[in-house]
Amino acid sequence: PGRATHQLPSQLYINNSTKSVQMMSEKAEESTEERRMVAIAVRPCEGVDAVALYAKIKAEITSQPEYKLKWDDECKIEDGRIRVSFSISSEADFDEEVMEVLEMMEDEVARQEIIFQCVME
């Protein structure tokens, strides 16, 4: 009877420990998803407010939910161009998910360019 009492608590500890390890590894998988970081410049059309345009871009270009597109909170305006970066799942075609949508905003976006991109683990 003494052994059964000692085994039960250690089995519970092992089971709880296993659950914690499993939960930690699931969280680690989420945080280790490869993300693509992209820095872009967007030139607004004549007469279009750059700050308002960036707010519209953030609101309208959201991509597929599974790609978890994340825009910078703030943009930098240099020489009338919006300079900003975003991150998106490396599995996403960011050209299709973001850049082509910007091209379709032709009444407000004169041109856009990719400044830099890389994949982060």
Foldseek 3Di string as FASTA:
>chain_A
DVVVVVVVVVVVVVVVVVVVVVVVVVVVVVVQQKKKKWKKKWAWDPPADPQVVVVVLVVPQQFDVVFRKAWDPDWDADPRITITMIMTGPVDPCCVSRVVVLVVVVNTTVDMDIDDMDMDD
